[in-house]
Amino acid sequence: MAMTQNYRMCLTEARKRHVHIIARLLNDSASKTKLPVPKISAKLPLVAYKMEHRIYELTKGRVLDEKTIQKFLVALIQQAHRRHKRLQQKTIQITTV
């Protein structure tokens, strides 16, 4: 599914609920940082949609509750951190060679 400007129009009610839960969880987490509010509010909806899309693919379309969504978010974030760390290590190895 391509990410369009009107991504909300093609979502079912369950997926809209998932996006809402993800956005709320991300907003709660982001509000604890020192990021400026306009930057958070500008990026949050699209990030929430992208994460919901990844979770939707992983769960093969099942309807999830808030705790399950939170567990999947933690897993996705951990994956991203591991991937980022691996890329940094490769970059360091390349520059030292």
PDB file of N, CA and C in Angstrom:
ATOM      1  N   MET A   1       0.839  -1.169   0.000  1.00  0.00           N
ATOM      2  CA  MET A   1       0.000   0.000   0.000  1.00  0.00           C
ATOM      3  C   MET A   1       0.887   1.237   0.000  1.00  0.00           C
ATOM      4  N   ALA A   2       0.705   2.083  -0.969  1.00  0.00           N
ATOM      5  CA  ALA A   2       1.514   3.286  -1.060  1.00  0.00           C
ATOM      6  C   ALA A   2       1.036   4.311  -0.040  1.00  0.00           C
ATOM      7  N   MET A   3       1.997   5.043   0.515  1.00  0.00           N
ATOM      8  CA  MET A   3       1.641   6.052   1.503  1.00  0.00           C
ATOM      9  C   MET A   3       1.296   7.337   0.772  1.00  0.00           C
ATOM     10  N   THR A   4       0.037   7.680   0.795  1.00  0.00           N
ATOM     11  CA  THR A   4      -0.427   8.872   0.114  1.00  0.00           C
ATOM     12  C   THR A   4      -0.701   9.958   1.130  1.00  0.00           C
ATOM     13  N   GLN A   5      -1.010  11.133   0.636  1.00  0.00           N
ATOM     14  CA  GLN A   5      -1.324  12.253   1.518  1.00  0.00           C
ATOM     15  C   GLN A   5      -2.605  11.976   2.296  1.00  0.00           C
ATOM     16  N   ASN A   6      -3.561  11.303   1.675  1.00  0.00           N
ATOM     17  CA  ASN A   6      -4.838  11.008   2.327  1.00  0.00           C
ATOM     18  C   ASN A   6      -4.864   9.568   2.818  1.00  0.00           C
ATOM     19  N   TYR A   7      -3.872   9.205   3.589  1.00  0.00           N
ATOM     20  CA  TYR A   7      -3.749   7.818   4.031  1.00  0.00           C
ATOM     21  C   TYR A   7      -4.900   7.397   4.928  1.00  0.00           C
ATOM     22  N   ARG A   8      -5.507   8.332   5.640  1.00  0.00           N
ATOM     23  CA  ARG A   8      -6.588   7.974   6.559  1.00  0.00           C
ATOM     24  C   ARG A   8      -7.844   7.518   5.829  1.00  0.00           C
ATOM     25  N   MET A   9      -8.010   7.940   4.606  1.00  0.00           N
ATOM     26  CA  MET A   9      -9.228   7.607   3.872  1.00  0.00           C
ATOM     27  C   MET A   9      -9.318   6.116   3.560  1.00  0.00           C
ATOM     28  N   CYS A  10      -8.196   5.448   3.401  1.00  0.00           N
ATOM     29  CA  CYS A  10      -8.221   4.047   2.990  1.00  0.00           C
ATOM     30  C   CYS A  10      -8.091   3.084   4.168  1.00  0.00           C
ATOM     31  N   LEU A  11      -8.157   3.578   5.403  1.00  0.00           N
ATOM     32  CA  LEU A  11      -8.029   2.719   6.573  1.00  0.00           C
ATOM     33  C   LEU A  11      -9.395   2.278   7.082  1.00  0.00           C
ATOM     34  N   THR A  12      -9.446   1.059   7.592  1.00  0.00           N
ATOM     35  CA  THR A  12     -10.668   0.593   8.239  1.00  0.00           C
ATOM     36  C   THR A  12     -10.765   1.241   9.617  1.00  0.00           C
ATOM     37  N   GLU A  13     -11.909   1.088  10.257  1.00  0.00           N
ATOM     38  CA  GLU A  13     -12.092   1.680  11.590  1.00  0.00           C
ATOM     39  C   GLU A  13     -11.105   1.095  12.595  1.00  0.00           C
ATOM     40  N   ALA A  14     -10.835  -0.202  12.494  1.00  0.00           N
ATOM     41  CA  ALA A  14      -9.890  -0.834  13.423  1.00  0.00           C
ATOM     42  C   ALA A  14      -8.486  -0.265  13.230  1.00  0.00           C
ATOM     43  N   ARG A  15      -8.100  -0.061  11.977  1.00  0.00           N
ATOM     44  CA  ARG A  15      -6.766   0.490  11.716  1.00  0.00           C
ATOM     45  C   ARG A  15      -6.682   1.949  12.137  1.00  0.00           C
ATOM     46  N   LYS A  16      -7.758   2.700  11.973  1.00  0.00           N
ATOM     47  CA  LYS A  16      -7.765   4.086  12.461  1.00  0.00           C
ATOM     48  C   LYS A  16      -7.590   4.114  13.971  1.00  0.00           C
ATOM     49  N   ARG A  17      -8.209   3.160  14.648  1.00  0.00           N
ATOM     50  CA  ARG A  17      -8.059   3.062  16.093  1.00  0.00           C
ATOM     51  C   ARG A  17      -6.623   2.731  16.456  1.00  0.00           C
ATOM     52  N   HIS A  18      -6.007   1.827  15.691  1.00  0.00           N
ATOM     53  CA  HIS A  18      -4.601   1.489  15.921  1.00  0.00           C
ATOM     54  C   HIS A  18      -3.713   2.728  15.766  1.00  0.00           C
ATOM     55  N   VAL A  19      -3.944   3.494  14.696  1.00  0.00           N
ATOM     56  CA  VAL A  19      -3.148   4.703  14.458  1.00  0.00           C
ATOM     57  C   VAL A  19      -3.337   5.685  15.608  1.00  0.00           C
ATOM     58  N   HIS A  20      -4.564   5.816  16.082  1.00  0.00           N
ATOM     59  CA  HIS A  20      -4.837   6.731  17.195  1.00  0.00           C
ATOM     60  C   HIS A  20      -4.085   6.292  18.451  1.00  0.00           C
ATOM     61  N   ILE A  21      -4.106   5.007  18.756  1.00  0.00           N
ATOM     62  CA  ILE A  21      -3.400   4.487  19.940  1.00  0.00           C
ATOM     63  C   ILE A  21      -1.897   4.706  19.791  1.00  0.00           C
ATOM     64  N   ILE A  22      -1.365   4.401  18.615  1.00  0.00           N
ATOM     65  CA  ILE A  22       0.070   4.573  18.376  1.00  0.00           C
ATOM     66  C   ILE A  22       0.455   6.046  18.498  1.00  0.00           C
ATOM     67  N   ALA A  23      -0.354   6.926  17.915  1.00  0.00           N
ATOM     68  CA  ALA A  23      -0.063   8.360  18.001  1.00  0.00           C
ATOM     69  C   ALA A  23      -0.069   8.832  19.451  1.00  0.00           C
ATOM     70  N   ARG A  24      -1.012   8.355  20.232  1.00  0.00           N
ATOM     71  CA  ARG A  24      -1.074   8.748  21.642  1.00  0.00           C
ATOM     72  C   ARG A  24       0.157   8.257  22.395  1.00  0.00           C
ATOM     73  N   LEU A  25       0.545   7.000  22.157  1.00  0.00           N
ATOM     74  CA  LEU A  25       1.733   6.454  22.821  1.00  0.00           C
ATOM     75  C   LEU A  25       3.001   7.200  22.406  1.00  0.00           C
ATOM     76  N   LEU A  26       3.123   7.492  21.114  1.00  0.00           N
ATOM     77  CA  LEU A  26       4.291   8.239  20.644  1.00  0.00           C
ATOM     78  C   LEU A  26       4.307   9.654  21.206  1.00  0.00           C
ATOM     79  N   ASN A  27       3.139  10.281  21.282  1.00  0.00           N
ATOM     80  CA  ASN A  27       3.053  11.638  21.821  1.00  0.00           C
ATOM     81  C   ASN A  27       3.431  11.658  23.299  1.00  0.00           C
ATOM     82  N   ASP A  28       2.957  10.669  24.050  1.00  0.00           N
ATOM     83  CA  ASP A  28       3.327  10.581  25.468  1.00  0.00           C
ATOM     84  C   ASP A  28       4.835  10.455  25.615  1.00  0.00           C
ATOM     85  N   SER A  29       5.436   9.647  24.775  1.00  0.00           N
ATOM     86  CA  SER A  29       6.881   9.447  24.836  1.00  0.00           C
ATOM     87  C   SER A  29       7.630  10.702  24.392  1.00  0.00           C
ATOM     88  N   ALA A  30       7.174  11.322  23.315  1.00  0.00           N
ATOM     89  CA  ALA A  30       7.861  12.503  22.781  1.00  0.00           C
ATOM     90  C   ALA A  30       7.724  13.710  23.699  1.00  0.00           C
ATOM     91  N   SER A  31       6.643  13.781  24.455  1.00  0.00           N
ATOM     92  CA  SER A  31       6.455  14.927  25.344  1.00  0.00           C
ATOM     93  C   SER A  31       7.456  14.929  26.494  1.00  0.00           C
ATOM     94  N   LYS A  32       8.101  13.795  26.732  1.00  0.00           N
ATOM     95  CA  LYS A  32       9.110  13.713  27.794  1.00  0.00           C
ATOM     96  C   LYS A  32      10.483  14.170  27.305  1.00  0.00           C
ATOM     97  N   THR A  33      10.613  14.440  26.017  1.00  0.00           N
ATOM     98  CA  THR A  33      11.889  14.883  25.456  1.00  0.00           C
ATOM     99  C   THR A  33      11.893  16.399  25.341  1.00  0.00           C
ATOM    100  N   LYS A  34      13.004  16.936  24.882  1.00  0.00           N
ATOM    101  CA  LYS A  34      13.129  18.387  24.725  1.00  0.00           C
ATOM    102  C   LYS A  34      12.883  18.834  23.289  1.00  0.00           C
ATOM    103  N   LEU A  35      12.250  17.985  22.497  1.00  0.00           N
ATOM    104  CA  LEU A  35      11.940  18.351  21.120  1.00  0.00           C
ATOM    105  C   LEU A  35      10.890  19.454  21.097  1.00  0.00           C
ATOM    106  N   PRO A  36      10.983  20.378  20.143  1.00  0.00           N
ATOM    107  CA  PRO A  36       9.970  21.430  20.054  1.00  0.00           C
ATOM    108  C   PRO A  36       8.611  20.855  19.631  1.00  0.00           C
ATOM    109  N   VAL A  37       7.568  21.391  20.211  1.00  0.00           N
ATOM    110  CA  VAL A  37       6.205  20.892  19.967  1.00  0.00           C
ATOM    111  C   VAL A  37       5.817  20.950  18.491  1.00  0.00           C
ATOM    112  N   PRO A  38       6.108  22.034  17.760  1.00  0.00           N
ATOM    113  CA  PRO A  38       5.733  22.048  16.334  1.00  0.00           C
ATOM    114  C   PRO A  38       6.370  20.914  15.532  1.00  0.00           C
ATOM    115  N   LYS A  39       7.592  20.571  15.872  1.00  0.00           N
ATOM    116  CA  LYS A  39       8.270  19.481  15.157  1.00  0.00           C
ATOM    117  C   LYS A  39       7.592  18.148  15.449  1.00  0.00           C
ATOM    118  N   ILE A  40       7.226  17.930  16.710  1.00  0.00           N
ATOM    119  CA  ILE A  40       6.540  16.690  17.091  1.00  0.00           C
ATOM    120  C   ILE A  40       5.202  16.593  16.379  1.00  0.00           C
ATOM    121  N   SER A  41       4.421  17.671  16.438  1.00  0.00           N
ATOM    122  CA  SER A  41       3.079  17.625  15.855  1.00  0.00           C
ATOM    123  C   SER A  41       3.121  17.520  14.336  1.00  0.00           C
ATOM    124  N   ALA A  42       4.186  17.976  13.716  1.00  0.00           N
ATOM    125  CA  ALA A  42       4.292  17.881  12.260  1.00  0.00           C
ATOM    126  C   ALA A  42       4.594  16.455  11.810  1.00  0.00           C
ATOM    127  N   LYS A  43       5.407  15.745  12.556  1.00  0.00           N
ATOM    128  CA  LYS A  43       5.850  14.416  12.125  1.00  0.00           C
ATOM    129  C   LYS A  43       5.040  13.271  12.723  1.00  0.00           C
ATOM    130  N   LEU A  44       4.364  13.510  13.823  1.00  0.00           N
ATOM    131  CA  LEU A  44       3.703  12.435  14.555  1.00  0.00           C
ATOM    132  C   LEU A  44       2.666  11.653  13.744  1.00  0.00           C
ATOM    133  N   PRO A  45       1.749  12.307  13.020  1.00  0.00           N
ATOM    134  CA  PRO A  45       0.731  11.520  12.299  1.00  0.00           C
ATOM    135  C   PRO A  45       1.312  10.555  11.268  1.00  0.00           C
ATOM    136  N   LEU A  46       2.291  11.007  10.503  1.00  0.00           N
ATOM    137  CA  LEU A  46       2.863  10.132   9.482  1.00  0.00           C
ATOM    138  C   LEU A  46       3.679   9.005  10.109  1.00  0.00           C
ATOM    139  N   VAL A  47       4.411   9.305  11.174  1.00  0.00           N
ATOM    140  CA  VAL A  47       5.177   8.262  11.868  1.00  0.00           C
ATOM    141  C   VAL A  47       4.223   7.222  12.451  1.00  0.00           C
ATOM    142  N   ALA A  48       3.116   7.680  13.038  1.00  0.00           N
ATOM    143  CA  ALA A  48       2.130   6.756  13.600  1.00  0.00           C
ATOM    144  C   ALA A  48       1.549   5.863  12.505  1.00  0.00           C
ATOM    145  N   TYR A  49       1.257   6.453  11.344  1.00  0.00           N
ATOM    146  CA  TYR A  49       0.723   5.658  10.242  1.00  0.00           C
ATOM    147  C   TYR A  49       1.742   4.627   9.763  1.00  0.00           C
ATOM    148  N   LYS A  50       3.008   5.049   9.630  1.00  0.00           N
ATOM    149  CA  LYS A  50       4.041   4.119   9.163  1.00  0.00           C
ATOM    150  C   LYS A  50       4.216   2.960  10.140  1.00  0.00           C
ATOM    151  N   MET A  51       4.207   3.266  11.428  1.00  0.00           N
ATOM    152  CA  MET A  51       4.370   2.202  12.424  1.00  0.00           C
ATOM    153  C   MET A  51       3.150   1.279  12.420  1.00  0.00           C
ATOM    154  N   GLU A  52       1.969   1.846  12.249  1.00  0.00           N
ATOM    155  CA  GLU A  52       0.766   1.009  12.178  1.00  0.00           C
ATOM    156  C   GLU A  52       0.840   0.103  10.962  1.00  0.00           C
ATOM    157  N   HIS A  53       1.329   0.628   9.867  1.00  0.00           N
ATOM    158  CA  HIS A  53       1.453  -0.171   8.647  1.00  0.00           C
ATOM    159  C   HIS A  53       2.400  -1.351   8.869  1.00  0.00           C
ATOM    160  N   ARG A  54       3.529  -1.104   9.533  1.00  0.00           N
ATOM    161  CA  ARG A  54       4.477  -2.186   9.839  1.00  0.00           C
ATOM    162  C   ARG A  54       3.842  -3.221  10.763  1.00  0.00           C
ATOM    163  N   ILE A  55       3.127  -2.753  11.794  1.00  0.00           N
ATOM    164  CA  ILE A  55       2.470  -3.675  12.730  1.00  0.00           C
ATOM    165  C   ILE A  55       1.384  -4.464  12.008  1.00  0.00           C
ATOM    166  N   TYR A  56       0.639  -3.799  11.128  1.00  0.00           N
ATOM    167  CA  TYR A  56      -0.420  -4.456  10.363  1.00  0.00           C
ATOM    168  C   TYR A  56       0.161  -5.589   9.512  1.00  0.00           C
ATOM    169  N   GLU A  57       1.303  -5.337   8.890  1.00  0.00           N
ATOM    170  CA  GLU A  57       1.943  -6.383   8.081  1.00  0.00           C
ATOM    171  C   GLU A  57       2.435  -7.533   8.953  1.00  0.00           C
ATOM    172  N   LEU A  58       3.010  -7.211  10.109  1.00  0.00           N
ATOM    173  CA  LEU A  58       3.518  -8.254  11.007  1.00  0.00           C
ATOM    174  C   LEU A  58       2.403  -9.139  11.554  1.00  0.00           C
ATOM    175  N   THR A  59       1.263  -8.532  11.880  1.00  0.00           N
ATOM    176  CA  THR A  59       0.165  -9.278  12.500  1.00  0.00           C
ATOM    177  C   THR A  59      -0.815  -9.833  11.477  1.00  0.00           C
ATOM    178  N   LYS A  60      -0.558  -9.573  10.210  1.00  0.00           N
ATOM    179  CA  LYS A  60      -1.424 -10.051   9.122  1.00  0.00           C
ATOM    180  C   LYS A  60      -2.867  -9.586   9.284  1.00  0.00           C
ATOM    181  N   GLY A  61      -3.028  -8.336   9.727  1.00  0.00           N
ATOM    182  CA  GLY A  61      -4.338  -7.712   9.757  1.00  0.00           C
ATOM    183  C   GLY A  61      -5.196  -7.964  10.972  1.00  0.00           C
ATOM    184  N   ARG A  62      -4.651  -8.562  12.016  1.00  0.00           N
ATOM    185  CA  ARG A  62      -5.464  -8.811  13.212  1.00  0.00           C
ATOM    186  C   ARG A  62      -5.763  -7.515  13.953  1.00  0.00           C
ATOM    187  N   VAL A  63      -6.901  -7.481  14.624  1.00  0.00           N
ATOM    188  CA  VAL A  63      -7.256  -6.345  15.475  1.00  0.00           C
ATOM    189  C   VAL A  63      -6.548  -6.535  16.810  1.00  0.00           C
ATOM    190  N   LEU A  64      -5.868  -5.486  17.278  1.00  0.00           N
ATOM    191  CA  LEU A  64      -5.039  -5.582  18.472  1.00  0.00           C
ATOM    192  C   LEU A  64      -5.536  -4.647  19.564  1.00  0.00           C
ATOM    193  N   ASP A  65      -5.227  -5.010  20.810  1.00  0.00           N
ATOM    194  CA  ASP A  65      -5.541  -4.108  21.913  1.00  0.00           C
ATOM    195  C   ASP A  65      -4.315  -3.237  22.197  1.00  0.00           C
ATOM    196  N   GLU A  66      -4.466  -2.306  23.140  1.00  0.00           N
ATOM    197  CA  GLU A  66      -3.415  -1.325  23.395  1.00  0.00           C
ATOM    198  C   GLU A  66      -2.118  -1.962  23.896  1.00  0.00           C
ATOM    199  N   LYS A  67      -2.223  -2.949  24.775  1.00  0.00           N
ATOM    200  CA  LYS A  67      -1.012  -3.589  25.311  1.00  0.00           C
ATOM    201  C   LYS A  67      -0.231  -4.299  24.212  1.00  0.00           C
ATOM    202  N   THR A  68      -0.936  -4.963  23.325  1.00  0.00           N
ATOM    203  CA  THR A  68      -0.275  -5.670  22.225  1.00  0.00           C
ATOM    204  C   THR A  68       0.393  -4.682  21.278  1.00  0.00           C
ATOM    205  N   ILE A  69      -0.293  -3.594  20.983  1.00  0.00           N
ATOM    206  CA  ILE A  69       0.289  -2.559  20.124  1.00  0.00           C
ATOM    207  C   ILE A  69       1.553  -2.004  20.764  1.00  0.00           C
ATOM    208  N   GLN A  70       1.504  -1.779  22.069  1.00  0.00           N
ATOM    209  CA  GLN A  70       2.662  -1.247  22.777  1.00  0.00           C
ATOM    210  C   GLN A  70       3.848  -2.219  22.697  1.00  0.00           C
ATOM    211  N   LYS A  71       3.578  -3.510  22.829  1.00  0.00           N
ATOM    212  CA  LYS A  71       4.645  -4.508  22.725  1.00  0.00           C
ATOM    213  C   LYS A  71       5.265  -4.508  21.321  1.00  0.00           C
ATOM    214  N   PHE A  72       4.420  -4.414  20.297  1.00  0.00           N
ATOM    215  CA  PHE A  72       4.935  -4.370  18.934  1.00  0.00           C
ATOM    216  C   PHE A  72       5.746  -3.102  18.696  1.00  0.00           C
ATOM    217  N   LEU A  73       5.301  -1.972  19.251  1.00  0.00           N
ATOM    218  CA  LEU A  73       6.055  -0.727  19.108  1.00  0.00           C
ATOM    219  C   LEU A  73       7.439  -0.851  19.732  1.00  0.00           C
ATOM    220  N   VAL A  74       7.495  -1.435  20.916  1.00  0.00           N
ATOM    221  CA  VAL A  74       8.789  -1.630  21.582  1.00  0.00           C
ATOM    222  C   VAL A  74       9.685  -2.509  20.716  1.00  0.00           C
ATOM    223  N   ALA A  75       9.128  -3.561  20.156  1.00  0.00           N
ATOM    224  CA  ALA A  75       9.919  -4.457  19.303  1.00  0.00           C
ATOM    225  C   ALA A  75      10.423  -3.726  18.057  1.00  0.00           C
ATOM    226  N   LEU A  76       9.571  -2.912  17.426  1.00  0.00           N
ATOM    227  CA  LEU A  76       9.990  -2.167  16.241  1.00  0.00           C
ATOM    228  C   LEU A  76      11.084  -1.158  16.572  1.00  0.00           C
ATOM    229  N   ILE A  77      10.952  -0.494  17.707  1.00  0.00           N
ATOM    230  CA  ILE A  77      11.955   0.494  18.114  1.00  0.00           C
ATOM    231  C   ILE A  77      13.281  -0.193  18.424  1.00  0.00           C
ATOM    232  N   GLN A  78      13.223  -1.342  19.078  1.00  0.00           N
ATOM    233  CA  GLN A  78      14.455  -2.084  19.362  1.00  0.00           C
ATOM    234  C   GLN A  78      15.132  -2.525  18.067  1.00  0.00           C
ATOM    235  N   GLN A  79      14.342  -2.965  17.096  1.00  0.00           N
ATOM    236  CA  GLN A  79      14.896  -3.345  15.792  1.00  0.00           C
ATOM    237  C   GLN A  79      15.609  -2.167  15.146  1.00  0.00           C
ATOM    238  N   ALA A  80      14.967  -1.004  15.194  1.00  0.00           N
ATOM    239  CA  ALA A  80      15.552   0.188  14.583  1.00  0.00           C
ATOM    240  C   ALA A  80      16.858   0.570  15.268  1.00  0.00           C
ATOM    241  N   HIS A  81      16.903   0.470  16.586  1.00  0.00           N
ATOM    242  CA  HIS A  81      18.131   0.798  17.313  1.00  0.00           C
ATOM    243  C   HIS A  81      19.250  -0.182  16.967  1.00  0.00           C
ATOM    244  N   ARG A  82      18.913  -1.464  16.888  1.00  0.00           N
ATOM    245  CA  ARG A  82      19.930  -2.459  16.520  1.00  0.00           C
ATOM    246  C   ARG A  82      20.456  -2.197  15.108  1.00  0.00           C
ATOM    247  N   ARG A  83      19.542  -1.891  14.187  1.00  0.00           N
ATOM    248  CA  ARG A  83      19.930  -1.618  12.804  1.00  0.00           C
ATOM    249  C   ARG A  83      20.837  -0.387  12.742  1.00  0.00           C
ATOM    250  N   HIS A  84      20.473   0.657  13.483  1.00  0.00           N
ATOM    251  CA  HIS A  84      21.261   1.891  13.515  1.00  0.00           C
ATOM    252  C   HIS A  84      22.651   1.628  14.098  1.00  0.00           C
ATOM    253  N   LYS A  85      22.708   0.837  15.155  1.00  0.00           N
ATOM    254  CA  LYS A  85      23.986   0.517  15.793  1.00  0.00           C
ATOM    255  C   LYS A  85      24.884  -0.272  14.836  1.00  0.00           C
ATOM    256  N   ARG A  86      24.295  -1.234  14.122  1.00  0.00           N
ATOM    257  CA  ARG A  86      25.062  -2.017  13.152  1.00  0.00           C
ATOM    258  C   ARG A  86      25.623  -1.125  12.046  1.00  0.00           C
ATOM    259  N   LEU A  87      24.814  -0.201  11.550  1.00  0.00           N
ATOM    260  CA  LEU A  87      25.277   0.708  10.502  1.00  0.00           C
ATOM    261  C   LEU A  87      26.407   1.598  10.998  1.00  0.00           C
ATOM    262  N   GLN A  88      26.306   2.063  12.239  1.00  0.00           N
ATOM    263  CA  GLN A  88      27.379   2.884  12.808  1.00  0.00           C
ATOM    264  C   GLN A  88      28.671   2.089  12.911  1.00  0.00           C
ATOM    265  N   GLN A  89      28.571   0.841  13.343  1.00  0.00           N
ATOM    266  CA  GLN A  89      29.762   0.004  13.468  1.00  0.00           C
ATOM    267  C   GLN A  89      30.405  -0.245  12.107  1.00  0.00           C
ATOM    268  N   LYS A  90      29.582  -0.472  11.090  1.00  0.00           N
ATOM    269  CA  LYS A  90      30.119  -0.674   9.742  1.00  0.00           C
ATOM    270  C   LYS A  90      30.806   0.589   9.245  1.00  0.00           C
ATOM    271  N   THR A  91      30.219   1.742   9.519  1.00  0.00           N
ATOM    272  CA  THR A  91      30.800   3.011   9.103  1.00  0.00           C
ATOM    273  C   THR A  91      32.140   3.232   9.786  1.00  0.00           C
ATOM    274  N   ILE A  92      32.213   2.918  11.059  1.00  0.00           N
ATOM    275  CA  ILE A  92      33.465   3.069  11.800  1.00  0.00           C
ATOM    276  C   ILE A  92      34.525   2.133  11.232  1.00  0.00           C
ATOM    277  N   GLN A  93      34.154   0.903  10.923  1.00  0.00           N
ATOM    278  CA  GLN A  93      35.106  -0.054  10.362  1.00  0.00           C
ATOM    279  C   GLN A  93      35.615   0.402   9.003  1.00  0.00           C
ATOM    280  N   ILE A  94      34.731   0.949   8.196  1.00  0.00           N
ATOM    281  CA  ILE A  94      35.120   1.403   6.861  1.00  0.00           C
ATOM    282  C   ILE A  94      36.072   2.589   6.963  1.00  0.00           C
ATOM    283  N   THR A  95      35.802   3.513   7.863  1.00  0.00           N
ATOM    284  CA  THR A  95      36.644   4.704   7.978  1.00  0.00           C
ATOM    285  C   THR A  95      38.003   4.398   8.593  1.00  0.00           C
ATOM    286  N   THR A  96      38.096   3.356   9.408  1.00  0.00           N
ATOM    287  CA  THR A  96      39.377   3.023  10.026  1.00  0.00           C
ATOM    288  C   THR A  96      40.260   2.176   9.120  1.00  0.00           C
ATOM    289  N   VAL A  97      39.677   1.589   8.096  1.00  0.00           N
ATOM    290  CA  VAL A  97      40.455   0.724   7.193  1.00  0.00           C
ATOM    291  C   VAL A  97      41.183   1.536   6.177  1.00  0.00           C
TER     292      VAL A  97
END
